[in-house]
Amino acid sequence: MATTTNDYNFEVASMKRVMFVCKKNSSRSQMAEGFARSLGAGRVVVVSSGLEASQVNPHAIAAMDAIGIDIRGQTSNALSEFAPEDFDGVISLCGCGVNLPPAWTKLDVFEDWQLDDPAEQPEIFPRVREEIRSQVVALLARLDPANEQS
């Protein structure tokens, strides 16, 4: 039986919606979005943003390319462009969780991963990328334990 538009909308509506946030939405949150889109395809809806918008860091693009995940189509967005009620959870990647508006920190899922910023230290992109991968895999398992990723 073919999937209808209504079936698809129901499936999307039933998925967890997660926002990844860091300072400028250029590196860590972009890589987290890429991992969540790839590893959580069909299970989560993900978006990333920053306390301010900038541009996707070319080193983040290269770090993700190195493992076969293309984030070129992602854009840098400001958190203020989104409404917290449209999400089930927010993940801060930079220790900036304390700077988020209170409505965001009161979502069902709120985590502050406090990862190093590779933007000024390109040599640490691979390490930070792998830390993000581990965190995203664990997050996906917590959000949907029936479909745990390895």
Protein backbone atom coordinates (compact mmCIF):
# COMPACT_ATOMS: atom_id res chain seq x y z
CA MET A 1 0.00 0.00 0.00
CA ALA A 2 1.39 3.40 -0.94
CA THR A 3 2.10 6.02 1.69
CA THR A 4 -0.23 8.98 1.33
CA THR A 5 0.59 12.57 2.17
CA ASN A 6 -1.56 12.28 5.28
CA ASP A 7 0.37 9.16 6.41
CA TYR A 8 3.65 11.01 5.90
CA ASN A 9 2.45 14.06 7.82
CA PHE A 10 1.37 11.85 10.70
CA GLU A 11 4.77 10.11 10.72
CA VAL A 12 6.60 13.44 10.78
CA ALA A 13 4.25 14.82 13.42
CA SER A 14 4.94 11.83 15.67
CA MET A 15 8.74 12.19 15.46
CA LYS A 16 10.70 13.94 18.19
CA ARG A 17 11.74 17.46 17.18
CA VAL A 18 15.18 18.51 18.38
CA MET A 19 17.01 21.84 18.20
CA PHE A 20 20.83 21.88 18.41
CA VAL A 21 22.22 25.25 19.55
CA CYS A 22 25.66 26.80 19.87
CA LYS A 23 27.00 30.33 19.78
CA LYS A 24 27.10 31.05 16.03
CA ASN A 25 25.60 27.91 14.45
CA SER A 26 28.73 27.42 12.37
CA SER A 27 30.47 24.24 13.54
CA ARG A 28 29.35 22.09 16.50
CA SER A 29 25.60 22.50 16.03
CA GLN A 30 25.98 22.04 12.28
CA MET A 31 27.85 18.74 12.77
CA ALA A 32 25.26 17.61 15.34
CA GLU A 33 22.46 18.40 12.89
CA GLY A 34 24.27 16.42 10.19
CA PHE A 35 24.72 13.39 12.45
CA ALA A 36 21.13 13.49 13.71
CA ARG A 37 19.76 13.79 10.17
CA SER A 38 21.91 10.87 9.03
CA LEU A 39 21.68 8.55 12.05
CA GLY A 40 18.13 9.48 13.02
CA ALA A 41 16.58 9.60 9.55
CA GLY A 42 12.89 8.82 9.79
CA ARG A 43 12.96 8.99 13.60
CA VAL A 44 13.70 12.62 14.48
CA VAL A 45 13.26 16.05 12.94
CA VAL A 46 16.32 18.20 13.60
CA VAL A 47 17.26 21.83 13.18
CA SER A 48 20.26 23.78 14.37
CA SER A 49 20.66 27.41 15.33
CA GLY A 50 22.93 29.77 17.18
CA LEU A 51 22.54 32.51 19.69
CA GLU A 52 23.41 34.46 16.55
CA ALA A 53 23.59 33.31 12.92
CA SER A 54 26.80 33.30 10.89
CA GLN A 55 27.78 30.80 8.18
CA VAL A 56 28.59 27.11 8.09
CA ASN A 57 32.30 26.71 8.79
CA PRO A 58 34.19 25.14 5.83
CA HIS A 59 36.21 23.05 8.32
CA ALA A 60 32.95 21.58 9.67
CA ILE A 61 31.90 20.73 6.11
CA ALA A 62 35.29 19.07 5.48
CA ALA A 63 35.21 17.16 8.79
CA MET A 64 31.79 15.73 7.98
CA ASP A 65 32.74 15.05 4.33
CA ALA A 66 35.62 12.93 5.65
CA ILE A 67 33.07 10.49 7.10
CA GLY A 68 30.57 10.66 4.25
CA ILE A 69 28.03 13.12 5.63
CA ASP A 70 27.32 16.17 3.47
CA ILE A 71 26.20 19.27 5.40
CA ARG A 72 26.66 21.76 2.55
CA GLY A 73 22.91 22.29 2.26
CA GLN A 74 22.53 23.30 5.90
CA THR A 75 22.23 26.98 6.78
CA SER A 76 23.17 29.05 9.81
CA ASN A 77 20.12 30.32 11.65
CA ALA A 78 19.47 32.41 14.75
CA LEU A 79 17.58 30.76 17.61
CA SER A 80 15.23 33.75 17.61
CA GLU A 81 13.85 32.52 14.26
CA PHE A 82 12.24 29.54 16.04
CA ALA A 83 9.58 28.98 18.69
CA PRO A 84 10.33 26.58 21.56
CA GLU A 85 6.81 25.15 21.47
CA ASP A 86 7.65 23.66 18.06
CA PHE A 87 10.30 21.39 19.63
CA ASP A 88 10.48 18.52 22.11
CA GLY A 89 14.06 19.20 23.08
CA VAL A 90 17.02 21.52 22.84
CA ILE A 91 20.67 20.54 23.02
CA SER A 92 23.31 23.18 23.69
CA LEU A 93 26.73 22.17 22.46
CA CYS A 94 28.79 25.04 23.85
CA GLY A 95 27.88 25.52 27.47
CA CYS A 96 25.58 28.32 26.34
CA GLY A 97 22.52 26.66 27.83
CA VAL A 98 22.56 29.24 30.62
CA ASN A 99 22.07 31.93 27.96
CA LEU A 100 19.01 30.34 26.37
CA PRO A 101 15.62 31.92 26.97
CA PRO A 102 13.85 30.03 29.81
CA ALA A 103 11.15 28.63 27.52
CA TRP A 104 13.82 26.58 25.74
CA THR A 105 15.36 25.14 28.90
CA LYS A 106 11.94 23.93 30.10
CA LEU A 107 11.40 21.57 27.15
CA ASP A 108 11.06 17.83 27.81
CA VAL A 109 14.68 17.33 26.77
CA PHE A 110 17.31 19.92 27.69
CA GLU A 111 21.00 19.04 27.65
CA ASP A 112 24.17 21.14 27.67
CA TRP A 113 27.06 19.13 26.21
CA GLN A 114 29.78 21.78 26.69
CA LEU A 115 32.03 20.71 23.82
CA ASP A 116 35.23 22.48 22.82
CA ASP A 117 34.87 25.05 20.02
CA PRO A 118 36.92 23.96 17.01
CA ALA A 119 36.26 27.17 15.05
CA GLU A 120 39.56 28.74 16.10
CA GLN A 121 41.44 25.41 16.30
CA PRO A 122 40.83 23.51 13.05
CA GLU A 123 43.11 20.68 14.18
CA ILE A 124 40.55 19.59 16.80
CA PHE A 125 37.63 19.23 14.35
CA PRO A 126 38.04 15.43 14.04
CA ARG A 127 38.04 14.95 17.84
CA VAL A 128 35.07 17.24 18.40
CA ARG A 129 33.22 15.61 15.48
CA GLU A 130 33.63 12.19 17.11
CA GLU A 131 32.50 13.54 20.50
CA ILE A 132 29.41 14.93 18.80
CA ARG A 133 28.78 11.60 17.03
CA SER A 134 28.90 9.75 20.37
CA GLN A 135 26.58 12.25 22.01
CA VAL A 136 24.08 12.16 19.12
CA VAL A 137 24.03 8.34 19.10
CA ALA A 138 23.32 8.35 22.85
CA LEU A 139 20.66 11.05 22.44
CA LEU A 140 18.88 9.09 19.70
CA ALA A 141 18.89 6.00 21.93
CA ARG A 142 17.34 7.99 24.79
CA LEU A 143 14.70 9.51 22.51
CA ASP A 144 13.75 6.19 20.92
CA PRO A 145 15.23 3.18 22.76
CA ALA A 146 13.46 0.70 20.43
CA ASN A 147 15.65 1.82 17.48
CA GLU A 148 19.07 2.13 19.12
CA GLN A 149 21.96 2.89 16.72
CA SER A 150 25.41 1.35 17.04
